[in-house]
Protein backbone atom coordinates (compact mmCIF):
# COMPACT_ATOMS: atom_id res chain seq x y z
CA MET A 1 97.58 111.11 155.54
CA ASN A 2 94.14 112.05 156.65
CA LYS A 3 91.09 111.74 154.40
CA SER A 4 90.92 115.39 153.24
CA LYS A 5 94.59 115.32 152.22
CA LEU A 6 94.06 112.05 150.30
CA ILE A 7 91.12 113.58 148.51
CA GLU A 8 93.24 116.60 147.46
CA MET A 9 95.98 114.23 146.30
CA ALA A 10 93.43 112.20 144.19
CA ARG A 11 92.73 115.43 142.26
CA LEU A 12 96.33 115.54 141.02
CA PRO A 13 97.19 113.98 137.68
CA VAL A 14 98.47 110.41 138.09
CA GLU A 15 101.89 111.35 136.65
CA THR A 16 102.36 114.04 139.25
CA VAL A 17 101.49 111.70 142.10
CA GLU A 18 103.77 108.96 140.68
CA SER A 19 106.68 111.48 140.52
CA LEU A 20 106.54 112.14 144.29
CA ASP A 21 108.90 110.12 146.37
CA ASP A 22 108.49 109.09 150.06
CA ASP A 23 110.26 112.22 151.30
CA ASP A 24 107.84 114.44 149.26
CA LEU A 25 104.83 112.56 150.65
CA GLU A 26 106.14 112.85 154.16
CA THR A 27 106.75 116.61 153.76
CA LEU A 28 103.21 117.07 152.38
CA ASN A 29 101.75 115.06 155.19
CA ASP A 30 103.46 117.27 157.82
CA LEU A 31 101.91 120.47 156.34
CA SER A 32 98.75 122.04 157.64
CA VAL A 33 95.62 121.51 155.44
CA ARG A 34 95.91 125.17 154.15
CA GLU A 35 99.63 124.79 153.29
CA PHE A 36 98.94 121.28 151.78
CA ARG A 37 96.29 122.75 149.46
CA LYS A 38 98.73 125.49 148.39
CA GLU A 39 101.36 122.89 147.57
CA ILE A 40 98.80 120.82 145.67
CA ARG A 41 97.84 123.87 143.65
CA LYS A 42 101.53 124.48 142.87
CA LEU A 43 101.95 120.87 141.80
CA LYS A 44 98.87 121.12 139.51
CA ASN A 45 100.20 124.37 138.00
CA LYS A 46 103.60 122.81 137.44
CA HIS A 47 101.98 119.83 135.73
CA THR A 48 99.92 122.16 133.52
CA GLU A 49 103.01 124.16 132.61
CA LEU A 50 104.88 120.93 131.72
CA GLU A 51 101.98 119.79 129.60
CA ASP A 52 101.95 123.13 127.81
CA GLN A 53 105.70 123.01 127.18
CA THR A 54 105.42 119.48 125.94
CA THR A 55 102.60 120.44 123.53
CA THR A 56 104.49 123.44 122.31
CA LEU A 57 107.64 121.31 121.74
CA ILE A 58 105.62 118.66 119.87
CA ASN A 59 104.04 121.27 117.70
CA ALA A 60 107.37 122.85 116.94
CA LEU A 61 108.90 119.47 116.07
CA GLU A 62 105.92 118.57 113.79
CA THR A 63 106.19 122.01 112.08
CA GLU A 64 109.93 121.47 111.56
CA ARG A 65 109.30 118.01 110.20
CA LEU A 66 106.72 119.27 107.73
CA THR A 67 108.80 122.19 106.59
CA LYS A 68 111.97 120.22 106.32
CA ALA A 69 110.45 117.12 104.79
CA PRO A 70 112.07 116.44 101.51
CA LYS A 71 110.01 117.21 98.46
CA GLN A 72 112.08 114.93 96.23
CA MET A 73 114.04 111.73 96.44
CA TYR A 74 116.24 110.48 93.61
CA GLU A 75 115.26 113.60 91.64
CA LEU A 76 111.62 112.39 91.69
CA PRO A 77 108.64 113.67 93.62
CA MET A 78 108.44 111.87 96.99
CA LEU A 79 105.28 109.94 96.21
CA VAL A 80 106.64 108.67 92.90
CA ALA A 81 109.92 107.64 94.48
CA GLN A 82 108.13 105.88 97.42
CA VAL A 83 105.77 104.04 95.09
CA ARG A 84 108.72 102.89 92.86
CA GLN A 85 110.74 101.85 95.98
CA LYS A 86 108.01 100.07 97.87
CA SER A 87 106.60 98.25 94.84
CA PHE A 88 109.60 95.81 94.95
CA ALA A 89 109.33 95.14 98.61
CA HIS A 90 105.59 94.52 98.54
CA ASN A 91 105.74 92.50 95.38
CA ALA A 92 108.49 90.29 96.80
CA VAL A 93 106.40 89.53 99.93
CA VAL A 94 103.25 88.74 97.93
CA ASN A 95 105.19 86.71 95.37
CA GLU A 96 106.97 84.63 98.01
CA SER A 97 103.68 83.92 99.78
CA LEU A 98 101.99 83.09 96.52
CA GLU A 99 104.75 80.64 95.48
CA GLU A 100 104.53 78.89 98.79
CA PHE A 101 100.78 78.64 98.65
CA ILE A 102 100.77 77.46 95.05
CA ALA A 103 102.88 74.51 96.19
CA MET A 104 100.41 73.80 99.03
CA ALA A 105 97.43 73.99 96.57
CA GLU A 106 99.20 71.49 94.32
CA GLN A 107 99.68 69.18 97.20
CA LEU A 108 95.99 69.55 98.14
CA CYS A 109 94.98 68.65 94.58
CA ASN A 110 97.21 65.66 94.49
CA ALA A 111 96.37 64.32 97.95
CA ARG A 112 93.40 62.32 96.76
CA ASP A 113 93.76 59.89 99.70
CA LEU A 114 92.40 62.57 102.03
CA ASP A 115 88.70 62.97 102.83
CA LEU A 116 87.06 64.79 99.81
CA ASN A 117 84.97 67.05 101.99
CA HIS A 118 88.03 68.21 103.88
CA ARG A 119 89.88 68.84 100.64
CA ILE A 120 86.88 70.78 99.28
CA GLY A 121 86.75 72.92 102.45
CA ALA A 122 90.43 73.75 102.00
CA ALA A 123 89.92 74.49 98.39
CA GLN A 124 86.91 76.73 99.14
CA THR A 125 88.99 78.68 101.72
CA THR A 126 91.82 79.08 99.28
CA TRP A 127 89.54 80.03 96.40
CA HIS A 128 87.72 82.76 98.32
CA LEU A 129 90.70 84.31 100.08
CA TRP A 130 92.98 84.36 97.02
CA LEU A 131 90.12 85.53 94.79
CA ALA A 132 89.62 88.55 97.11
CA VAL A 133 93.36 89.37 96.78
CA GLN A 134 93.21 88.90 93.03
CA GLN A 135 90.15 91.16 92.72
CA ARG A 136 91.88 93.92 94.76
CA ILE A 137 95.03 93.59 92.62
CA THR A 138 92.91 93.60 89.42
CA HIS A 139 91.06 96.72 90.68
CA MET A 140 94.41 98.44 91.35
CA LEU A 141 95.91 97.50 87.93
CA ASN A 142 92.64 98.55 86.15
CA ARG A 143 92.74 101.85 87.95
CA LEU A 144 96.36 102.36 86.82
CA SER A 145 95.58 101.27 83.32
CA GLY A 146 92.52 103.59 83.15
CA GLU A 147 94.56 106.53 84.44
CA PHE A 148 97.73 106.10 82.40
CA GLY A 149 96.61 103.90 79.47
CA PRO A 150 97.71 100.38 78.73
CA GLU A 151 100.11 101.63 76.12
CA HIS A 152 102.23 103.13 78.89
CA LEU A 153 102.13 100.04 81.13
CA ALA A 154 102.08 96.83 79.01
CA GLY A 155 105.13 95.20 77.49
CA ALA A 156 108.82 94.86 78.34
CA GLU A 157 109.54 98.21 76.66
CA CYS A 158 107.42 99.87 79.40
CA ILE A 159 109.57 98.61 82.29
CA PRO A 160 110.98 101.76 83.79
CA GLN A 161 114.64 102.72 83.91
CA PHE A 162 116.09 103.31 87.35
CA ALA A 163 118.82 105.76 87.96
CA GLU A 164 121.88 104.57 89.85
CA ASP A 165 121.22 107.05 92.64
CA GLU A 166 117.62 105.85 92.96
CA TRP A 167 118.63 102.46 94.33
CA GLN A 168 122.01 100.92 94.68
CA ASP A 169 120.61 97.68 93.27
CA ALA A 170 118.67 99.48 90.45
CA GLN A 171 119.93 96.99 87.80
CA ALA A 172 118.96 94.03 89.95
CA ASN A 173 115.45 95.44 90.36
CA ARG A 174 115.12 95.96 86.66
CA GLU A 175 116.28 92.41 85.96
CA TYR A 176 113.76 91.12 88.50
CA MET A 177 110.97 92.97 86.73
CA LEU A 178 112.11 91.53 83.32
CA ALA A 179 112.20 88.01 84.82
CA MET A 180 108.67 88.40 86.18
CA PHE A 181 107.51 89.69 82.81
CA ASN A 182 109.11 86.85 80.93
CA ASP A 183 107.65 84.28 83.41
CA ARG A 184 104.19 85.68 82.80
CA ILE A 185 104.66 85.59 79.06
CA ASN A 186 105.99 82.04 79.13
CA THR A 187 103.08 80.93 81.40
CA GLN A 188 100.52 82.39 78.98
CA LYS A 189 102.07 80.37 76.09
C-alpha cells in the first residue's frame, strides 16, 4: 500500500483494521485512491453503527437489570438479606485469619531464644496492623449500637432468627453465632 492509503487506514479504529483479513487488504490496495477513501468512509460508518448498536444494547440490558432486580430476598429487603448473608462469610474469613495469627503471636511471645529486637519489630507490626482492624471493627459496631441501641444487639436473646428459606443451613448459622457468643462470654470470665 502506498503512503496515502496507509495514512487513511491509520484513521480507522484499531478494531476495524484488525477485523480485515488479507483478502480485504488486497482488495482495498487494488482500488483507486478515491474508491479507497469511499471504502474507508464506509468502514468508519459501519464501525460507528456497531458502536451505537452496542451502546444501545448495553443500555437496554442495564435498564432491564435494574427494573428486574429483585427488591426482596427471603421476604426481606435486599440490603437486609445481603448483610445477613454476607456477615457469616466475612466473619468466618476474619475469624480464621485471627485464630491463625493468634497462634503465631503466641509463638512469637514464647520464642525468647530469638533476637529481642526482631521479636519487638514483629510485635510492633502485629500491634499496629491488628489495632487498625480492631479500630475499624469497633467503629462499625459503635455505629450499629448508636443507630439501633445496645438493647437490640447485646445478649444471646438478640441473636436473630433465620427462616428456613433464608438459608438452607440457617440453624447451623444460628448455632455458630451462639458458639461465638458463648466463647466471648467464657473468655471475659
